[in-house]
PDB file of all heavy atoms in Angstrom:
ATOM      1  N   GLN A   1      -8.395   9.836  -7.218  1.00  0.00           N
ATOM      2  CA  GLN A   1      -8.199   8.726  -8.155  1.00  0.00           C
ATOM      3  C   GLN A   1      -6.894   7.991  -7.861  1.00  0.00           C
ATOM      4  O   GLN A   1      -6.844   6.753  -7.918  1.00  0.00           O
ATOM      5  CB  GLN A   1      -8.206   9.261  -9.589  1.00  0.00           C
ATOM      6  CG  GLN A   1      -9.557   9.778 -10.051  1.00  0.00           C
ATOM      7  CD  GLN A   1      -9.464  10.508 -11.385  1.00  0.00           C
ATOM      8  OE1 GLN A   1      -8.485  11.202 -11.659  1.00  0.00           O
ATOM      9  NE2 GLN A   1     -10.482  10.353 -12.221  1.00  0.00           N
ATOM     10  N   PHE A   2      -5.850   8.746  -7.574  1.00  0.00           N
ATOM     11  CA  PHE A   2      -4.544   8.152  -7.242  1.00  0.00           C
ATOM     12  C   PHE A   2      -4.676   7.237  -6.028  1.00  0.00           C
ATOM     13  O   PHE A   2      -4.250   6.073  -6.045  1.00  0.00           O
ATOM     14  CB  PHE A   2      -3.547   9.283  -6.970  1.00  0.00           C
ATOM     15  CG  PHE A   2      -2.168   8.846  -6.557  1.00  0.00           C
ATOM     16  CD1 PHE A   2      -1.146   8.754  -7.489  1.00  0.00           C
ATOM     17  CD2 PHE A   2      -1.871   8.548  -5.230  1.00  0.00           C
ATOM     18  CE1 PHE A   2       0.140   8.368  -7.108  1.00  0.00           C
ATOM     19  CE2 PHE A   2      -0.603   8.160  -4.834  1.00  0.00           C
ATOM     20  CZ  PHE A   2       0.408   8.074  -5.781  1.00  0.00           C
ATOM     21  N   LYS A   3      -5.266   7.758  -4.964  1.00  0.00           N
ATOM     22  CA  LYS A   3      -5.395   6.969  -3.732  1.00  0.00           C
ATOM     23  C   LYS A   3      -6.243   5.722  -3.948  1.00  0.00           C
ATOM     24  O   LYS A   3      -5.878   4.619  -3.504  1.00  0.00           O
ATOM     25  CB  LYS A   3      -6.017   7.828  -2.625  1.00  0.00           C
ATOM     26  CG  LYS A   3      -5.095   8.859  -2.004  1.00  0.00           C
ATOM     27  CD  LYS A   3      -5.800   9.555  -0.851  1.00  0.00           C
ATOM     28  CE  LYS A   3      -4.884  10.445  -0.058  1.00  0.00           C
ATOM     29  NZ  LYS A   3      -5.577  11.080   1.084  1.00  0.00           N
ATOM     30  N   GLU A   4      -7.376   5.875  -4.622  1.00  0.00           N
ATOM     31  CA  GLU A   4      -8.274   4.736  -4.802  1.00  0.00           C
ATOM     32  C   GLU A   4      -7.650   3.655  -5.680  1.00  0.00           C
ATOM     33  O   GLU A   4      -7.785   2.463  -5.390  1.00  0.00           O
ATOM     34  CB  GLU A   4      -9.603   5.209  -5.394  1.00  0.00           C
ATOM     35  CG  GLU A   4     -10.455   6.003  -4.405  1.00  0.00           C
ATOM     36  CD  GLU A   4     -11.819   6.353  -4.967  1.00  0.00           C
ATOM     37  OE1 GLU A   4     -12.091   6.019  -6.148  1.00  0.00           O
ATOM     38  OE2 GLU A   4     -12.627   6.953  -4.227  1.00  0.00           O
ATOM     39  N   ALA A   5      -6.973   4.056  -6.738  1.00  0.00           N
ATOM     40  CA  ALA A   5      -6.360   3.071  -7.629  1.00  0.00           C
ATOM     41  C   ALA A   5      -5.251   2.295  -6.921  1.00  0.00           C
ATOM     42  O   ALA A   5      -5.214   1.059  -6.957  1.00  0.00           O
ATOM     43  CB  ALA A   5      -5.813   3.766  -8.879  1.00  0.00           C
ATOM     44  N   PHE A   6      -4.353   3.019  -6.280  1.00  0.00           N
ATOM     45  CA  PHE A   6      -3.260   2.328  -5.601  1.00  0.00           C
ATOM     46  C   PHE A   6      -3.776   1.503  -4.423  1.00  0.00           C
ATOM     47  O   PHE A   6      -3.296   0.385  -4.181  1.00  0.00           O
ATOM     48  CB  PHE A   6      -2.193   3.321  -5.137  1.00  0.00           C
ATOM     49  CG  PHE A   6      -1.139   3.580  -6.172  1.00  0.00           C
ATOM     50  CD1 PHE A   6      -1.218   4.696  -6.990  1.00  0.00           C
ATOM     51  CD2 PHE A   6      -0.079   2.706  -6.349  1.00  0.00           C
ATOM     52  CE1 PHE A   6      -0.250   4.934  -7.969  1.00  0.00           C
ATOM     53  CE2 PHE A   6       0.890   2.930  -7.311  1.00  0.00           C
ATOM     54  CZ  PHE A   6       0.803   4.047  -8.126  1.00  0.00           C
ATOM     55  N   ALA A   7      -4.752   2.019  -3.698  1.00  0.00           N
ATOM     56  CA  ALA A   7      -5.302   1.267  -2.562  1.00  0.00           C
ATOM     57  C   ALA A   7      -5.874  -0.068  -3.028  1.00  0.00           C
ATOM     58  O   ALA A   7      -5.648  -1.117  -2.398  1.00  0.00           O
ATOM     59  CB  ALA A   7      -6.366   2.084  -1.849  1.00  0.00           C
ATOM     60  N   ALA A   8      -6.600  -0.061  -4.143  1.00  0.00           N
ATOM     61  CA  ALA A   8      -7.214  -1.292  -4.639  1.00  0.00           C
ATOM     62  C   ALA A   8      -6.162  -2.320  -5.042  1.00  0.00           C
ATOM     63  O   ALA A   8      -6.261  -3.511  -4.690  1.00  0.00           O
ATOM     64  CB  ALA A   8      -8.112  -0.967  -5.832  1.00  0.00           C
ATOM     65  N   HIS A   9      -5.136  -1.884  -5.748  1.00  0.00           N
ATOM     66  CA  HIS A   9      -4.118  -2.826  -6.225  1.00  0.00           C
ATOM     67  C   HIS A   9      -3.199  -3.296  -5.098  1.00  0.00           C
ATOM     68  O   HIS A   9      -2.755  -4.448  -5.091  1.00  0.00           O
ATOM     69  CB  HIS A   9      -3.312  -2.197  -7.355  1.00  0.00           C
ATOM     70  CG  HIS A   9      -4.104  -2.026  -8.609  1.00  0.00           C
ATOM     71  ND1 HIS A   9      -4.310  -3.044  -9.513  1.00  0.00           N
ATOM     72  CD2 HIS A   9      -4.781  -0.947  -9.107  1.00  0.00           C
ATOM     73  CE1 HIS A   9      -5.057  -2.612 -10.516  1.00  0.00           C
ATOM     74  NE2 HIS A   9      -5.355  -1.343 -10.293  1.00  0.00           N
ATOM     75  N   ILE A  10      -2.897  -2.420  -4.161  1.00  0.00           N
ATOM     76  CA  ILE A  10      -2.056  -2.826  -3.027  1.00  0.00           C
ATOM     77  C   ILE A  10      -2.827  -3.769  -2.114  1.00  0.00           C
ATOM     78  O   ILE A  10      -2.268  -4.746  -1.594  1.00  0.00           O
ATOM     79  CB  ILE A  10      -1.546  -1.591  -2.273  1.00  0.00           C
ATOM     80  CG1 ILE A  10      -0.568  -0.809  -3.161  1.00  0.00           C
ATOM     81  CG2 ILE A  10      -0.860  -1.989  -0.966  1.00  0.00           C
ATOM     82  CD1 ILE A  10      -0.176   0.551  -2.615  1.00  0.00           C
ATOM     83  N   LYS A  11      -4.111  -3.511  -1.928  1.00  0.00           N
ATOM     84  CA  LYS A  11      -4.948  -4.430  -1.145  1.00  0.00           C
ATOM     85  C   LYS A  11      -4.944  -5.820  -1.781  1.00  0.00           C
ATOM     86  O   LYS A  11      -4.790  -6.838  -1.089  1.00  0.00           O
ATOM     87  CB  LYS A  11      -6.374  -3.889  -1.065  1.00  0.00           C
ATOM     88  CG  LYS A  11      -7.352  -4.760  -0.281  1.00  0.00           C
ATOM     89  CD  LYS A  11      -8.709  -4.066  -0.203  1.00  0.00           C
ATOM     90  CE  LYS A  11      -9.707  -4.875   0.615  1.00  0.00           C
ATOM     91  NZ  LYS A  11     -10.133  -6.109  -0.075  1.00  0.00           N
ATOM     92  N   GLU A  12      -5.065  -5.846  -3.106  1.00  0.00           N
ATOM     93  CA  GLU A  12      -5.005  -7.124  -3.817  1.00  0.00           C
ATOM     94  C   GLU A  12      -3.664  -7.809  -3.604  1.00  0.00           C
ATOM     95  O   GLU A  12      -3.599  -9.030  -3.352  1.00  0.00           O
ATOM     96  CB  GLU A  12      -5.230  -6.892  -5.313  1.00  0.00           C
ATOM     97  CG  GLU A  12      -5.098  -8.157  -6.146  1.00  0.00           C
ATOM     98  CD  GLU A  12      -5.032  -7.876  -7.645  1.00  0.00           C
ATOM     99  OE1 GLU A  12      -5.092  -6.695  -8.043  1.00  0.00           O
ATOM    100  OE2 GLU A  12      -4.879  -8.844  -8.414  1.00  0.00           O
ATOM    101  N   ALA A  13      -2.571  -7.057  -3.688  1.00  0.00           N
ATOM    102  CA  ALA A  13      -1.237  -7.637  -3.515  1.00  0.00           C
ATOM    103  C   ALA A  13      -1.060  -8.190  -2.113  1.00  0.00           C
ATOM    104  O   ALA A  13      -0.526  -9.298  -1.932  1.00  0.00           O
ATOM    105  CB  ALA A  13      -0.177  -6.580  -3.809  1.00  0.00           C
ATOM    106  N   VAL A  14      -1.499  -7.446  -1.114  1.00  0.00           N
ATOM    107  CA  VAL A  14      -1.339  -7.888   0.273  1.00  0.00           C
ATOM    108  C   VAL A  14      -2.176  -9.130   0.543  1.00  0.00           C
ATOM    109  O   VAL A  14      -1.717 -10.096   1.169  1.00  0.00           O
ATOM    110  CB  VAL A  14      -1.699  -6.743   1.243  1.00  0.00           C
ATOM    111  CG1 VAL A  14      -1.806  -7.257   2.680  1.00  0.00           C
ATOM    112  CG2 VAL A  14      -0.655  -5.635   1.163  1.00  0.00           C
ATOM    113  N   GLU A  15      -3.412  -9.143   0.063  1.00  0.00           N
ATOM    114  CA  GLU A  15      -4.280 -10.294   0.307  1.00  0.00           C
ATOM    115  C   GLU A  15      -3.791 -11.537  -0.441  1.00  0.00           C
ATOM    116  O   GLU A  15      -3.870 -12.649   0.072  1.00  0.00           O
ATOM    117  CB  GLU A  15      -5.709  -9.955  -0.112  1.00  0.00           C
ATOM    118  CG  GLU A  15      -6.378  -8.936   0.809  1.00  0.00           C
ATOM    119  CD  GLU A  15      -7.785  -8.595   0.356  1.00  0.00           C
ATOM    120  OE1 GLU A  15      -8.126  -8.896  -0.808  1.00  0.00           O
ATOM    121  OE2 GLU A  15      -8.536  -8.015   1.162  1.00  0.00           O
ATOM    122  N   SER A  16      -3.280 -11.350  -1.645  1.00  0.00           N
ATOM    123  CA  SER A  16      -2.830 -12.479  -2.455  1.00  0.00           C
ATOM    124  C   SER A  16      -1.448 -12.970  -2.051  1.00  0.00           C
ATOM    125  O   SER A  16      -1.215 -14.178  -1.927  1.00  0.00           O
ATOM    126  CB  SER A  16      -2.826 -12.079  -3.936  1.00  0.00           C
ATOM    127  OG  SER A  16      -2.280 -13.088  -4.738  1.00  0.00           O
ATOM    128  N   PHE A  17      -0.537 -12.027  -1.833  1.00  0.00           N
ATOM    129  CA  PHE A  17       0.862 -12.373  -1.585  1.00  0.00           C
ATOM    130  C   PHE A  17       1.150 -12.600  -0.100  1.00  0.00           C
ATOM    131  O   PHE A  17       1.972 -13.445   0.261  1.00  0.00           O
ATOM    132  CB  PHE A  17       1.760 -11.271  -2.143  1.00  0.00           C
ATOM    133  CG  PHE A  17       3.228 -11.498  -1.939  1.00  0.00           C
ATOM    134  CD1 PHE A  17       3.884 -12.527  -2.601  1.00  0.00           C
ATOM    135  CD2 PHE A  17       3.962 -10.687  -1.094  1.00  0.00           C
ATOM    136  CE1 PHE A  17       5.243 -12.741  -2.426  1.00  0.00           C
ATOM    137  CE2 PHE A  17       5.322 -10.886  -0.901  1.00  0.00           C
ATOM    138  CZ  PHE A  17       5.957 -11.915  -1.568  1.00  0.00           C
ATOM    139  N   GLY A  18       0.496 -11.861   0.775  1.00  0.00           N
ATOM    140  CA  GLY A  18       0.702 -12.027   2.220  1.00  0.00           C
ATOM    141  C   GLY A  18       2.098 -11.684   2.683  1.00  0.00           C
ATOM    142  O   GLY A  18       2.817 -12.546   3.208  1.00  0.00           O
ATOM    143  N   PRO A  19       2.551 -10.437   2.509  1.00  0.00           N
ATOM    144  CA  PRO A  19       3.934 -10.090   2.858  1.00  0.00           C
ATOM    145  C   PRO A  19       4.194 -10.067   4.355  1.00  0.00           C
ATOM    146  O   PRO A  19       3.316  -9.717   5.156  1.00  0.00           O
ATOM    147  CB  PRO A  19       4.083  -8.677   2.269  1.00  0.00           C
ATOM    148  CG  PRO A  19       2.699  -8.107   2.314  1.00  0.00           C
ATOM    149  CD  PRO A  19       1.794  -9.264   2.007  1.00  0.00           C
ATOM    150  N   ASP A  20       5.404 -10.435   4.725  1.00  0.00           N
ATOM    151  CA  ASP A  20       5.872 -10.239   6.102  1.00  0.00           C
ATOM    152  C   ASP A  20       6.336  -8.799   6.298  1.00  0.00           C
ATOM    153  O   ASP A  20       6.282  -8.275   7.410  1.00  0.00           O
ATOM    154  CB  ASP A  20       7.047 -11.179   6.403  1.00  0.00           C
ATOM    155  CG  ASP A  20       6.682 -12.639   6.214  1.00  0.00           C
ATOM    156  OD1 ASP A  20       5.701 -13.078   6.833  1.00  0.00           O
ATOM    157  OD2 ASP A  20       7.364 -13.330   5.432  1.00  0.00           O
ATOM    158  N   LEU A  21       6.812  -8.200   5.216  1.00  0.00           N
ATOM    159  CA  LEU A  21       7.363  -6.852   5.275  1.00  0.00           C
ATOM    160  C   LEU A  21       6.969  -6.087   4.016  1.00  0.00           C
ATOM    161  O   LEU A  21       7.045  -6.620   2.911  1.00  0.00           O
ATOM    162  CB  LEU A  21       8.891  -6.913   5.383  1.00  0.00           C
ATOM    163  CG  LEU A  21       9.670  -5.597   5.278  1.00  0.00           C
ATOM    164  CD1 LEU A  21       9.331  -4.678   6.452  1.00  0.00           C
ATOM    165  CD2 LEU A  21      11.174  -5.866   5.230  1.00  0.00           C
ATOM    166  N   ILE A  22       6.554  -4.829   4.197  1.00  0.00           N
ATOM    167  CA  ILE A  22       6.259  -3.941   3.078  1.00  0.00           C
ATOM    168  C   ILE A  22       7.314  -2.839   3.063  1.00  0.00           C
ATOM    169  O   ILE A  22       7.525  -2.160   4.075  1.00  0.00           O
ATOM    170  CB  ILE A  22       4.856  -3.323   3.191  1.00  0.00           C
ATOM    171  CG1 ILE A  22       3.781  -4.413   3.222  1.00  0.00           C
ATOM    172  CG2 ILE A  22       4.595  -2.364   2.038  1.00  0.00           C
ATOM    173  CD1 ILE A  22       2.368  -3.894   3.473  1.00  0.00           C
ATOM    174  N   ILE A  23       7.991  -2.682   1.925  1.00  0.00           N
ATOM    175  CA  ILE A  23       9.008  -1.641   1.772  1.00  0.00           C
ATOM    176  C   ILE A  23       8.501  -0.622   0.757  1.00  0.00           C
ATOM    177  O   ILE A  23       8.277  -0.963  -0.408  1.00  0.00           O
ATOM    178  CB  ILE A  23      10.355  -2.222   1.299  1.00  0.00           C
ATOM    179  CG1 ILE A  23      10.892  -3.232   2.323  1.00  0.00           C
ATOM    180  CG2 ILE A  23      11.364  -1.107   1.066  1.00  0.00           C
ATOM    181  CD1 ILE A  23      12.183  -3.911   1.881  1.00  0.00           C
ATOM    182  N   CYS A  24       8.317   0.614   1.197  1.00  0.00           N
ATOM    183  CA  CYS A  24       7.843   1.683   0.323  1.00  0.00           C
ATOM    184  C   CYS A  24       8.997   2.629  -0.021  1.00  0.00           C
ATOM    185  O   CYS A  24       9.809   2.959   0.845  1.00  0.00           O
ATOM    186  CB  CYS A  24       6.729   2.479   1.004  1.00  0.00           C
ATOM    187  SG  CYS A  24       5.248   1.513   1.341  1.00  0.00           S
ATOM    188  N   HIS A  25       9.015   3.076  -1.254  1.00  0.00           N
ATOM    189  CA  HIS A  25      10.063   3.992  -1.704  1.00  0.00           C
ATOM    190  C   HIS A  25       9.500   5.395  -1.874  1.00  0.00           C
ATOM    191  O   HIS A  25       8.482   5.584  -2.539  1.00  0.00           O
ATOM    192  CB  HIS A  25      10.691   3.475  -2.996  1.00  0.00           C
ATOM    193  CG  HIS A  25      11.530   2.259  -2.776  1.00  0.00           C
ATOM    194  ND1 HIS A  25      12.904   2.314  -2.610  1.00  0.00           N
ATOM    195  CD2 HIS A  25      11.179   0.957  -2.629  1.00  0.00           C
ATOM    196  CE1 HIS A  25      13.360   1.090  -2.401  1.00  0.00           C
ATOM    197  NE2 HIS A  25      12.341   0.247  -2.414  1.00  0.00           N
ATOM    198  N   HIS A  26      10.174   6.352  -1.250  1.00  0.00           N
ATOM    199  CA  HIS A  26       9.822   7.771  -1.126  1.00  0.00           C
ATOM    200  C   HIS A  26       8.905   7.986   0.089  1.00  0.00           C
ATOM    201  O   HIS A  26       7.889   7.305   0.227  1.00  0.00           O
ATOM    202  CB  HIS A  26       9.136   8.333  -2.376  1.00  0.00           C
ATOM    203  CG  HIS A  26       9.998   8.286  -3.584  1.00  0.00           C
ATOM    204  ND1 HIS A  26       9.720   7.456  -4.649  1.00  0.00           N
ATOM    205  CD2 HIS A  26      11.132   8.946  -3.904  1.00  0.00           C
ATOM    206  CE1 HIS A  26      10.646   7.621  -5.577  1.00  0.00           C
ATOM    207  NE2 HIS A  26      11.528   8.516  -5.146  1.00  0.00           N
ATOM    208  N   LEU A  27       9.287   8.905   0.912  1.00  0.00           N
ATOM    209  CA  LEU A  27       8.502   9.251   2.100  1.00  0.00           C
ATOM    210  C   LEU A  27       7.463  10.287   1.691  1.00  0.00           C
ATOM    211  O   LEU A  27       7.485  11.447   2.098  1.00  0.00           O
ATOM    212  CB  LEU A  27       9.419   9.805   3.198  1.00  0.00           C
ATOM    213  CG  LEU A  27      10.615   8.938   3.581  1.00  0.00           C
ATOM    214  CD1 LEU A  27      11.433   9.608   4.677  1.00  0.00           C
ATOM    215  CD2 LEU A  27      10.172   7.543   4.021  1.00  0.00           C
ATOM    216  N   TYR A  28       6.497   9.811   0.872  1.00  0.00           N
ATOM    217  CA  TYR A  28       5.535  10.757   0.345  1.00  0.00           C
ATOM    218  C   TYR A  28       4.131  10.141   0.323  1.00  0.00           C
ATOM    219  O   TYR A  28       3.824   9.273   1.136  1.00  0.00           O
ATOM    220  CB  TYR A  28       6.000  11.255  -1.030  1.00  0.00           C
ATOM    221  CG  TYR A  28       5.417  12.602  -1.381  1.00  0.00           C
ATOM    222  CD1 TYR A  28       5.593  13.702  -0.546  1.00  0.00           C
ATOM    223  CD2 TYR A  28       4.668  12.793  -2.540  1.00  0.00           C
ATOM    224  CE1 TYR A  28       5.050  14.938  -0.851  1.00  0.00           C
ATOM    225  CE2 TYR A  28       4.117  14.029  -2.859  1.00  0.00           C
ATOM    226  CZ  TYR A  28       4.312  15.094  -2.005  1.00  0.00           C
ATOM    227  OH  TYR A  28       3.766  16.317  -2.298  1.00  0.00           O
ATOM    228  N   LEU A  29       3.303  10.580  -0.596  1.00  0.00           N
ATOM    229  CA  LEU A  29       1.873  10.294  -0.546  1.00  0.00           C
ATOM    230  C   LEU A  29       1.560   8.804  -0.527  1.00  0.00           C
ATOM    231  O   LEU A  29       0.734   8.346   0.279  1.00  0.00           O
ATOM    232  CB  LEU A  29       1.177  10.970  -1.737  1.00  0.00           C
ATOM    233  CG  LEU A  29      -0.342  10.807  -1.817  1.00  0.00           C
ATOM    234  CD1 LEU A  29      -1.024  11.370  -0.577  1.00  0.00           C
ATOM    235  CD2 LEU A  29      -0.876  11.487  -3.078  1.00  0.00           C
ATOM    236  N   LEU A  30       2.186   8.018  -1.405  1.00  0.00           N
ATOM    237  CA  LEU A  30       1.853   6.595  -1.473  1.00  0.00           C
ATOM    238  C   LEU A  30       2.301   5.857  -0.219  1.00  0.00           C
ATOM    239  O   LEU A  30       1.579   4.995   0.291  1.00  0.00           O
ATOM    240  CB  LEU A  30       2.475   5.960  -2.716  1.00  0.00           C
ATOM    241  CG  LEU A  30       2.126   4.485  -2.933  1.00  0.00           C
ATOM    242  CD1 LEU A  30       0.617   4.263  -2.962  1.00  0.00           C
ATOM    243  CD2 LEU A  30       2.769   3.956  -4.209  1.00  0.00           C
ATOM    244  N   THR A  31       3.483   6.177   0.280  1.00  0.00           N
ATOM    245  CA  THR A  31       3.948   5.542   1.515  1.00  0.00           C
ATOM    246  C   THR A  31       3.013   5.874   2.676  1.00  0.00           C
ATOM    247  O   THR A  31       2.699   5.007   3.503  1.00  0.00           O
ATOM    248  CB  THR A  31       5.383   5.994   1.833  1.00  0.00           C
ATOM    249  OG1 THR A  31       6.242   5.570   0.769  1.00  0.00           O
ATOM    250  CG2 THR A  31       5.880   5.412   3.150  1.00  0.00           C
ATOM    251  N   ALA A  32       2.555   7.117   2.743  1.00  0.00           N
ATOM    252  CA  ALA A  32       1.596   7.513   3.785  1.00  0.00           C
ATOM    253  C   ALA A  32       0.299   6.723   3.641  1.00  0.00           C
ATOM    254  O   ALA A  32      -0.291   6.277   4.641  1.00  0.00           O
ATOM    255  CB  ALA A  32       1.326   9.012   3.698  1.00  0.00           C
ATOM    256  N   LEU A  33      -0.152   6.535   2.402  1.00  0.00           N
ATOM    257  CA  LEU A  33      -1.369   5.766   2.157  1.00  0.00           C
ATOM    258  C   LEU A  33      -1.212   4.330   2.631  1.00  0.00           C
ATOM    259  O   LEU A  33      -2.107   3.769   3.291  1.00  0.00           O
ATOM    260  CB  LEU A  33      -1.689   5.794   0.658  1.00  0.00           C
ATOM    261  CG  LEU A  33      -2.866   4.931   0.183  1.00  0.00           C
ATOM    262  CD1 LEU A  33      -4.173   5.442   0.751  1.00  0.00           C
ATOM    263  CD2 LEU A  33      -2.913   4.901  -1.344  1.00  0.00           C
ATOM    264  N   VAL A  34      -0.074   3.712   2.323  1.00  0.00           N
ATOM    265  CA  VAL A  34       0.170   2.321   2.732  1.00  0.00           C
ATOM    266  C   VAL A  34       0.190   2.197   4.250  1.00  0.00           C
ATOM    267  O   VAL A  34      -0.408   1.288   4.824  1.00  0.00           O
ATOM    268  CB  VAL A  34       1.493   1.808   2.117  1.00  0.00           C
ATOM    269  CG1 VAL A  34       1.857   0.438   2.673  1.00  0.00           C
ATOM    270  CG2 VAL A  34       1.377   1.748   0.597  1.00  0.00           C
ATOM    271  N   ARG A  35       0.871   3.121   4.919  1.00  0.00           N
ATOM    272  CA  ARG A  35       0.912   3.077   6.380  1.00  0.00           C
ATOM    273  C   ARG A  35      -0.488   3.200   6.969  1.00  0.00           C
ATOM    274  O   ARG A  35      -0.846   2.512   7.933  1.00  0.00           O
ATOM    275  CB  ARG A  35       1.804   4.212   6.891  1.00  0.00           C
ATOM    276  CG  ARG A  35       1.836   4.384   8.405  1.00  0.00           C
ATOM    277  CD  ARG A  35       2.621   3.305   9.147  1.00  0.00           C
ATOM    278  NE  ARG A  35       1.982   1.988   9.164  1.00  0.00           N
ATOM    279  CZ  ARG A  35       2.549   0.902   9.675  1.00  0.00           C
ATOM    280  NH1 ARG A  35       3.756   0.948  10.192  1.00  0.00           N
ATOM    281  NH2 ARG A  35       1.897  -0.251   9.661  1.00  0.00           N
ATOM    282  N   ASP A  36      -1.300   4.089   6.376  1.00  0.00           N
ATOM    283  CA  ASP A  36      -2.658   4.300   6.858  1.00  0.00           C
ATOM    284  C   ASP A  36      -3.528   3.072   6.630  1.00  0.00           C
ATOM    285  O   ASP A  36      -4.372   2.726   7.463  1.00  0.00           O
ATOM    286  CB  ASP A  36      -3.249   5.521   6.143  1.00  0.00           C
ATOM    287  CG  ASP A  36      -4.513   6.043   6.823  1.00  0.00           C
ATOM    288  OD1 ASP A  36      -4.603   5.929   8.059  1.00  0.00           O
ATOM    289  OD2 ASP A  36      -5.384   6.572   6.119  1.00  0.00           O
ATOM    290  N   MET A  37      -3.321   2.394   5.500  1.00  0.00           N
ATOM    291  CA  MET A  37      -4.116   1.211   5.164  1.00  0.00           C
ATOM    292  C   MET A  37      -3.794   0.007   6.043  1.00  0.00           C
ATOM    293  O   MET A  37      -4.683  -0.782   6.372  1.00  0.00           O
ATOM    294  CB  MET A  37      -3.871   0.814   3.706  1.00  0.00           C
ATOM    295  CG  MET A  37      -4.528   1.694   2.674  1.00  0.00           C
ATOM    296  SD  MET A  37      -4.157   1.105   1.000  1.00  0.00           S
ATOM    297  CE  MET A  37      -4.967  -0.502   0.993  1.00  0.00           C
ATOM    298  N   PHE A  38      -2.514  -0.135   6.398  1.00  0.00           N
ATOM    299  CA  PHE A  38      -2.071  -1.336   7.099  1.00  0.00           C
ATOM    300  C   PHE A  38      -1.381  -0.966   8.411  1.00  0.00           C
ATOM    301  O   PHE A  38      -0.160  -1.113   8.548  1.00  0.00           O
ATOM    302  CB  PHE A  38      -1.119  -2.146   6.205  1.00  0.00           C
ATOM    303  CG  PHE A  38      -1.706  -2.482   4.862  1.00  0.00           C
ATOM    304  CD1 PHE A  38      -1.291  -1.813   3.723  1.00  0.00           C
ATOM    305  CD2 PHE A  38      -2.685  -3.456   4.746  1.00  0.00           C
ATOM    306  CE1 PHE A  38      -1.832  -2.106   2.489  1.00  0.00           C
ATOM    307  CE2 PHE A  38      -3.233  -3.765   3.507  1.00  0.00           C
ATOM    308  CZ  PHE A  38      -2.813  -3.084   2.377  1.00  0.00           C
ATOM    309  N   PRO A  39      -2.148  -0.501   9.383  1.00  0.00           N
ATOM    310  CA  PRO A  39      -1.542  -0.026  10.635  1.00  0.00           C
ATOM    311  C   PRO A  39      -0.887  -1.118  11.464  1.00  0.00           C
ATOM    312  O   PRO A  39      -0.063  -0.834  12.325  1.00  0.00           O
ATOM    313  CB  PRO A  39      -2.733   0.598  11.380  1.00  0.00           C
ATOM    314  CG  PRO A  39      -3.938  -0.093  10.826  1.00  0.00           C
ATOM    315  CD  PRO A  39      -3.622  -0.343   9.383  1.00  0.00           C
TER     316      PRO A  39
END
């Protein structure tokens, strides 16, 4: 549930906002998920 919820909202943010740079805080589960989603 954690992965699916954050993946959906981060996907929305990336598609809507179009960042040049993504900064994740904590070298843990969510940061790993973001790296995996946006290689």
